[in-house]
Amino acid sequence: MSSAANFVTQADRYREDMTTTTLQSPDEPSVRKAERAQSLFLETIVGRRGGLRSILSQVEAVAPTNATVMISGETGTGKEVISRAIHELSPRRNRNLVKVNCAAMPAGLLESELFGHERGAFTGAVNSHVGRFALADRGTLFLDEIGDMPLELQPKLLRVLQEREFEAVGSTRTTRVDVRIVVATHRDLRQMVRDCEFREDLYYRLNTFPVSLPPLRERKADIPEFARYFVQQFAASMDKIIDTIPEETMQFLVRYPWPGNIRELQNYVARGVILSTDGVFEPPPPERHEPAPIEISKPTLEDKVRQEILAACQRANWKLGGPRGAAARLGLKRTTLFAKMKRLGITPPADHWED
């Protein structure tokens, strides 16, 4: 049986098991049923060698709880697959798994998409709209690219996480929900917090249980399994039979760095299946990933002023006034220099503050 066929068969067995649990002997402990269901589902995940094995152990541990999970990793590393695993292994598996991409819509539309809106709440709102939080009640809400959520919307998300309630746009009626939150991001949220681009309180609320996915270049042992699975998957969809992947081709797939991770490998294999004949996988030449040219911007007048002030302050050991102070070196009054420094965001080191 092919890898793809085996994958589908295991997934079908998992679904069959979940739909026939009421027919099992009442003497069998429910814990055993849950463990069997977990094992069947995890077997459907491709690429379970190396580092992913420990990640799946984390998923098994956190899935039965209501803890908020933050999945981080580069684009194309399988964050959505892990979010589905968390849902499918949880007690909420028979309820909705609702997905929202926070980077795909502007702030106003995203608020309506998450919380819903009443008729007439804004121009064009000719009908009421049920938001994703309401749709995910007693289920799981997956917020992809959470780092792209606008700052003005983040307090409302924080309130739902803390209070489990919200108001639709244009409504005064409070709606209570029971939703398990899973978020994903490819961005460094800790740096965004330091840069005041993401709320610190929301970050710590979302980061209850972090899961970090490694890039494909750190999972070379999984690449042959991915390649065989994708080849069989696309061959079946294109009504082709491909039963051979040459050794040199597989070696190339393992050595290549795959900057786009699993998604790039998947698309590359799809192109290869289209071009392949005679049952042999013949991929095209890989795309060259050349670094983007570095744009060297010319310094603005403000940049030049900032550099001059910094240089003068450093030469004066951050003394602003006096005949040898930075103000005198620049030909400015002390008050004028202080105002410029404040406007440009220049602050002396902690041990050089002047009254």
Protein backbone atom coordinates (compact mmCIF):
# COMPACT_ATOMS: atom_id res chain seq x y z
CA MET A 1 0.00 0.00 0.00
CA SER A 2 1.34 3.47 -0.88
CA SER A 3 2.28 6.03 1.75
CA ALA A 4 -0.61 8.30 0.74
CA ALA A 5 -3.10 5.44 0.77
CA ASN A 6 -1.81 4.35 4.16
CA PHE A 7 -2.21 7.91 5.47
CA VAL A 8 -5.83 8.11 4.28
CA THR A 9 -6.68 4.67 5.63
CA GLN A 10 -5.38 5.58 9.08
CA ALA A 11 -7.34 8.82 9.07
CA ASP A 12 -10.53 6.95 8.08
CA ARG A 13 -9.97 4.45 10.90
CA TYR A 14 -9.59 7.33 13.34
CA ARG A 15 -12.89 8.88 12.24
CA GLU A 16 -14.62 5.49 12.36
CA ASP A 17 -13.35 4.91 15.88
CA MET A 18 -14.63 8.31 17.00
CA THR A 19 -18.12 7.68 15.55
CA THR A 20 -18.54 4.20 17.05
CA THR A 21 -17.35 4.71 20.60
CA THR A 22 -20.91 4.37 21.94
CA LEU A 23 -20.96 0.78 20.65
CA GLN A 24 -17.93 -0.21 22.69
CA SER A 25 -18.24 -2.40 25.75
CA PRO A 26 -19.22 -0.27 28.78
CA ASP A 27 -16.63 -2.16 30.80
CA GLU A 28 -13.73 -0.63 28.84
CA PRO A 29 -12.34 2.40 30.71
CA SER A 30 -12.91 5.72 28.93
CA VAL A 31 -9.22 6.52 29.40
CA ARG A 32 -8.30 3.57 27.18
CA LYS A 33 -10.69 4.83 24.49
CA ALA A 34 -9.13 8.29 24.56
CA GLU A 35 -5.62 6.86 24.36
CA ARG A 36 -6.56 4.69 21.37
CA ALA A 37 -8.15 7.67 19.61
CA GLN A 38 -5.04 9.78 20.23
CA SER A 39 -2.77 7.06 18.89
CA LEU A 40 -4.84 6.65 15.73
CA PHE A 41 -4.90 10.38 15.05
CA LEU A 42 -1.18 10.92 15.64
CA GLU A 43 -0.40 8.13 13.20
CA THR A 44 -1.99 10.24 10.45
CA ILE A 45 0.62 12.99 10.86
CA VAL A 46 3.43 12.74 8.31
CA GLY A 47 6.97 13.42 9.47
CA ARG A 48 7.08 12.15 13.05
CA ARG A 49 10.82 11.59 13.38
CA GLY A 50 13.41 13.63 15.27
CA GLY A 51 12.32 16.87 16.89
CA LEU A 52 8.67 16.53 15.96
CA ARG A 53 8.34 13.50 18.20
CA SER A 54 8.87 15.62 21.32
CA ILE A 55 6.50 18.27 19.95
CA LEU A 56 3.76 15.68 19.49
CA SER A 57 4.34 14.63 23.10
CA GLN A 58 3.70 18.23 24.13
CA VAL A 59 0.55 18.27 21.99
CA GLU A 60 -0.71 15.10 23.67
CA ALA A 61 -0.08 16.65 27.09
CA VAL A 62 -1.79 20.00 26.48
CA ALA A 63 -4.67 18.91 24.22
CA PRO A 64 -6.97 17.55 26.97
CA THR A 65 -6.72 20.84 28.90
CA ASN A 66 -8.26 24.24 28.19
CA ALA A 67 -4.88 25.99 28.19
CA THR A 68 -4.21 28.60 25.51
CA VAL A 69 -1.48 27.41 23.13
CA MET A 70 0.92 29.59 21.14
CA ILE A 71 2.52 27.86 18.14
CA SER A 72 5.55 29.61 16.70
CA GLY A 73 7.68 28.77 13.70
CA GLU A 74 8.70 29.89 10.26
CA THR A 75 6.15 30.10 7.47
CA GLY A 76 5.29 26.69 6.07
CA THR A 77 6.37 24.59 9.08
CA GLY A 78 2.92 23.09 9.73
CA LYS A 79 1.46 25.32 12.45
CA GLU A 80 -2.09 24.75 11.22
CA VAL A 81 -1.59 20.97 11.30
CA ILE A 82 -0.53 21.18 14.96
CA SER A 83 -3.52 23.37 15.79
CA ARG A 84 -5.83 20.74 14.30
CA ALA A 85 -4.06 18.01 16.28
CA ILE A 86 -4.65 19.95 19.51
CA HIS A 87 -8.35 20.24 18.68
CA GLU A 88 -8.79 16.64 17.55
CA LEU A 89 -7.13 15.27 20.69
CA SER A 90 -9.19 17.46 23.02
CA PRO A 91 -12.62 16.92 24.60
CA ARG A 92 -13.86 19.61 22.18
CA ARG A 93 -13.21 17.44 19.11
CA ASN A 94 -16.93 17.08 18.33
CA ARG A 95 -17.38 20.86 18.26
CA ASN A 96 -16.20 23.43 15.71
CA LEU A 97 -12.58 24.23 14.93
CA VAL A 98 -12.87 27.78 13.60
CA LYS A 99 -9.91 29.41 11.83
CA VAL A 100 -9.15 33.12 11.36
CA ASN A 101 -6.12 34.59 9.59
CA CYS A 102 -5.41 37.89 11.37
CA ALA A 103 -3.18 39.09 8.53
CA ALA A 104 -5.82 38.67 5.85
CA MET A 105 -8.13 41.56 6.73
CA PRO A 106 -8.03 45.16 8.04
CA ALA A 107 -8.78 46.05 11.66
CA GLY A 108 -12.42 47.07 11.18
CA LEU A 109 -13.32 43.96 9.23
CA LEU A 110 -11.33 41.69 11.58
CA GLU A 111 -13.27 42.99 14.59
CA SER A 112 -16.55 42.20 12.87
CA GLU A 113 -15.25 38.80 11.77
CA LEU A 114 -14.24 37.87 15.31
CA PHE A 115 -17.11 39.33 17.33
CA GLY A 116 -19.88 39.77 14.77
CA HIS A 117 -21.95 42.90 14.14
CA GLU A 118 -25.52 44.09 14.31
CA ARG A 119 -27.51 45.29 11.36
CA GLY A 120 -26.75 48.96 10.70
CA ALA A 121 -23.63 48.95 12.89
CA PHE A 122 -21.68 50.58 10.06
CA THR A 123 -22.09 51.51 6.42
CA GLY A 124 -22.85 48.41 4.43
CA ALA A 125 -24.00 46.30 7.40
CA VAL A 126 -27.37 45.43 5.90
CA ASN A 127 -27.65 42.20 7.92
CA SER A 128 -26.47 40.96 11.28
CA HIS A 129 -23.34 38.80 11.26
CA VAL A 130 -22.37 36.04 13.71
CA GLY A 131 -18.68 36.28 14.64
CA ARG A 132 -16.12 33.52 14.84
CA PHE A 133 -16.07 33.53 18.65
CA ALA A 134 -19.78 32.68 18.71
CA LEU A 135 -19.29 29.99 16.06
CA ALA A 136 -16.46 28.45 18.11
CA ASP A 137 -18.45 28.32 21.36
CA ARG A 138 -17.54 25.10 23.24
CA GLY A 139 -15.01 24.42 20.49
CA THR A 140 -11.61 25.78 19.42
CA LEU A 141 -10.68 29.07 17.76
CA PHE A 142 -7.40 29.12 15.82
CA LEU A 143 -6.00 32.63 15.32
CA ASP A 144 -3.30 32.41 12.68
CA GLU A 145 -0.67 35.18 12.31
CA ILE A 146 -1.64 36.69 15.67
CA GLY A 147 1.35 39.04 15.40
CA ASP A 148 -0.52 40.92 12.66
CA MET A 149 -3.54 41.69 14.83
CA PRO A 150 -3.90 45.51 15.02
CA LEU A 151 -3.00 47.08 18.36
CA GLU A 152 -6.43 48.69 18.74
CA LEU A 153 -8.12 45.29 18.58
CA GLN A 154 -5.83 43.52 21.04
CA PRO A 155 -7.57 44.82 24.24
CA LYS A 156 -10.84 43.29 23.03
CA LEU A 157 -9.17 39.93 22.49
CA LEU A 158 -7.59 40.18 25.94
CA ARG A 159 -11.02 40.80 27.46
CA VAL A 160 -12.49 37.68 25.85
CA LEU A 161 -9.56 35.62 27.13
CA GLN A 162 -9.95 36.93 30.66
CA GLU A 163 -13.70 37.46 31.01
CA ARG A 164 -15.03 35.01 28.37
CA GLU A 165 -17.45 37.64 27.12
CA PHE A 166 -17.74 40.25 24.35
CA GLU A 167 -20.17 42.56 22.56
CA ALA A 168 -20.76 42.42 18.82
CA VAL A 169 -20.02 45.61 16.88
CA GLY A 170 -22.99 47.95 17.28
CA SER A 171 -24.55 45.89 20.10
CA THR A 172 -24.95 46.53 23.83
CA ARG A 173 -25.77 42.89 24.56
CA THR A 174 -22.98 40.91 26.21
CA THR A 175 -22.37 37.40 24.88
CA ARG A 176 -20.62 34.79 27.00
CA VAL A 177 -18.60 32.04 25.30
CA ASP A 178 -16.55 28.99 26.21
CA VAL A 179 -13.78 28.92 23.61
CA ARG A 180 -10.36 27.28 23.64
CA ILE A 181 -7.79 29.57 21.95
CA VAL A 182 -4.85 28.38 19.84
CA VAL A 183 -2.71 31.04 18.15
CA ALA A 184 0.16 30.85 15.68
CA THR A 185 2.82 33.27 14.50
CA HIS A 186 6.02 33.35 12.48
CA ARG A 187 7.04 36.65 14.10
CA ASP A 188 9.08 37.29 17.26
CA LEU A 189 6.33 38.51 19.59
CA ARG A 190 8.76 39.19 22.42
CA GLN A 191 10.63 41.66 20.22
CA MET A 192 7.31 43.15 19.12
CA VAL A 193 6.45 43.69 22.78
CA ARG A 194 9.78 45.47 23.30
CA ASP A 195 9.06 47.60 20.22
CA CYS A 196 5.57 48.44 21.56
CA GLU A 197 3.98 46.72 18.54
CA PHE A 198 2.21 44.05 20.61
CA ARG A 199 0.59 44.32 24.04
CA GLU A 200 2.68 42.80 26.80
CA ASP A 201 -0.32 41.64 28.86
CA LEU A 202 -1.85 39.94 25.82
CA TYR A 203 1.46 38.25 25.00
CA TYR A 204 1.75 36.67 28.43
CA ARG A 205 -1.91 35.66 28.35
CA LEU A 206 -1.47 33.90 24.99
CA ASN A 207 1.89 32.34 25.85
CA THR A 208 0.45 29.96 28.45
CA PHE A 209 1.77 26.89 26.65
CA PRO A 210 4.31 27.67 23.89
CA VAL A 211 5.05 25.17 21.12
CA SER A 212 7.95 25.95 18.76
CA LEU A 213 8.13 24.17 15.40
CA PRO A 214 11.59 23.66 13.87
CA PRO A 215 12.20 24.55 10.20
CA LEU A 216 12.43 21.73 7.68
CA ARG A 217 16.20 22.20 7.30
CA GLU A 218 16.50 20.98 10.91
CA ARG A 219 14.27 17.96 10.18
CA LYS A 220 16.22 16.30 7.39
CA ALA A 221 15.25 12.82 8.62
CA ASP A 222 11.60 13.65 7.83
CA ILE A 223 12.20 14.83 4.25
CA PRO A 224 12.13 11.36 2.58
CA GLU A 225 8.80 10.58 4.25
CA PHE A 226 7.35 13.94 3.18
CA ALA A 227 8.63 13.45 -0.37
CA ARG A 228 7.15 9.97 -0.75
CA TYR A 229 3.84 11.08 0.73
CA PHE A 230 3.53 14.15 -1.51
CA VAL A 231 4.56 12.20 -4.63
CA GLN A 232 1.85 9.59 -4.04
CA GLN A 233 -0.71 12.23 -3.08
CA PHE A 234 -0.23 14.31 -6.24
CA ALA A 235 0.19 11.26 -8.48
CA ALA A 236 -3.17 9.94 -7.32
CA SER A 237 -4.88 13.31 -7.89
CA MET A 238 -3.39 13.52 -11.41
CA ASP A 239 -4.21 9.87 -12.24
CA LYS A 240 -0.53 8.95 -12.56
CA ILE A 241 1.51 6.04 -11.25
CA ILE A 242 4.92 7.00 -9.85
CA ASP A 243 6.67 4.24 -7.97
CA THR A 244 10.31 5.34 -8.12
CA ILE A 245 12.20 8.26 -6.63
CA PRO A 246 15.85 8.03 -7.79
CA GLU A 247 18.45 7.95 -5.02
CA GLU A 248 20.24 11.05 -6.32
CA THR A 249 16.92 12.93 -6.34
CA MET A 250 16.22 11.96 -2.75
CA GLN A 251 19.73 13.01 -1.72
CA PHE A 252 19.16 16.39 -3.31
CA LEU A 253 15.83 16.80 -1.50
CA VAL A 254 17.53 16.06 1.83
CA ARG A 255 20.45 18.44 1.20
CA TYR A 256 18.37 21.39 -0.06
CA PRO A 257 17.69 24.02 2.68
CA TRP A 258 13.97 24.59 1.83
CA PRO A 259 13.60 28.20 2.97
CA GLY A 260 9.84 27.88 2.41
CA ASN A 261 9.79 24.72 4.57
CA ILE A 262 7.15 22.01 4.08
CA ARG A 263 4.95 24.21 1.89
CA GLU A 264 7.82 24.83 -0.54
CA LEU A 265 8.66 21.12 -0.65
CA GLN A 266 5.01 20.30 -1.32
CA ASN A 267 4.78 22.72 -4.23
CA TYR A 268 8.10 21.54 -5.64
CA VAL A 269 6.97 17.91 -5.58
CA ALA A 270 3.69 18.90 -7.28
CA ARG A 271 5.64 20.46 -10.18
CA GLY A 272 7.82 17.35 -10.35
CA VAL A 273 4.82 15.03 -10.55
CA ILE A 274 3.41 17.07 -13.44
CA LEU A 275 6.68 16.66 -15.36
CA SER A 276 7.31 13.02 -14.47
CA THR A 277 6.75 10.14 -16.90
CA ASP A 278 7.36 6.37 -17.00
CA GLY A 279 6.70 5.97 -13.27
CA VAL A 280 9.86 7.86 -12.22
CA PHE A 281 9.77 11.08 -10.22
CA GLU A 282 11.68 13.71 -12.22
CA PRO A 283 11.62 17.08 -10.44
CA PRO A 284 12.46 20.38 -12.14
CA PRO A 285 15.60 22.39 -11.32
CA PRO A 286 15.11 24.16 -7.98
CA GLU A 287 14.47 27.87 -7.81
CA ARG A 288 17.46 29.95 -6.83
CA HIS A 289 16.98 31.85 -3.61
CA GLU A 290 19.20 34.87 -3.96
CA PRO A 291 19.32 37.36 -1.11
CA ALA A 292 17.37 40.52 -1.75
CA PRO A 293 19.54 43.55 -2.48
CA ILE A 294 20.19 45.72 0.54
CA GLU A 295 18.72 49.16 0.11
CA ILE A 296 21.05 51.85 1.44
CA SER A 297 18.92 54.82 2.34
CA LYS A 298 20.37 58.32 2.42
CA PRO A 299 20.36 59.90 5.88
CA THR A 300 17.70 62.53 6.40
CA LEU A 301 18.32 65.97 7.88
CA GLU A 302 16.91 64.71 11.17
CA ASP A 303 19.37 61.79 11.14
CA LYS A 304 22.28 64.19 10.61
CA VAL A 305 21.13 66.45 13.46
CA ARG A 306 20.77 63.44 15.76
CA GLN A 307 24.28 62.24 14.89
CA GLU A 308 25.78 65.70 15.52
CA ILE A 309 24.07 66.00 18.90
CA LEU A 310 25.13 62.50 19.94
CA ALA A 311 28.72 63.16 18.93
CA ALA A 312 28.81 66.47 20.85
CA CYS A 313 27.26 64.91 23.95
CA GLN A 314 29.72 62.05 23.93
CA ARG A 315 32.70 64.39 23.56
CA ALA A 316 31.37 66.46 26.48
CA ASN A 317 30.83 63.34 28.56
CA TRP A 318 27.07 64.11 28.41
CA LYS A 319 27.46 67.44 30.18
CA LEU A 320 24.98 69.76 28.43
CA GLY A 321 25.73 73.17 30.00
CA GLY A 322 28.87 75.09 30.79
CA PRO A 323 31.65 76.43 28.55
CA ARG A 324 32.75 72.93 27.55
CA GLY A 325 29.30 71.35 27.50
CA ALA A 326 27.54 69.93 24.46
CA ALA A 327 25.37 73.04 24.02
CA ALA A 328 28.44 75.28 23.75
CA ARG A 329 30.10 72.89 21.29
CA LEU A 330 26.99 73.04 19.09
CA GLY A 331 26.50 76.78 19.49
CA LEU A 332 23.10 76.34 21.13
CA LYS A 333 21.46 77.40 24.35
CA ARG A 334 21.23 74.63 26.93
CA THR A 335 17.40 74.77 26.89
CA THR A 336 17.35 74.61 23.08
CA LEU A 337 19.63 71.57 23.08
CA PHE A 338 17.50 69.84 25.69
CA ALA A 339 14.34 70.47 23.61
CA LYS A 340 16.00 69.04 20.48
CA MET A 341 17.16 65.97 22.39
CA LYS A 342 13.65 65.39 23.70
CA ARG A 343 12.15 65.74 20.21
CA LEU A 344 14.71 63.35 18.71
CA GLY A 345 14.39 60.80 21.52
CA ILE A 346 18.00 61.22 22.71
CA THR A 347 18.49 60.36 26.38
CA PRO A 348 21.76 60.38 28.34
CA PRO A 349 23.03 57.16 29.95
CA ALA A 350 21.59 56.50 33.40
CA ASP A 351 24.77 57.65 35.16
CA HIS A 352 24.99 60.96 33.27
CA TRP A 353 21.59 62.55 33.98
CA GLU A 354 21.67 66.27 34.74
CA ASP A 355 18.99 68.17 36.66
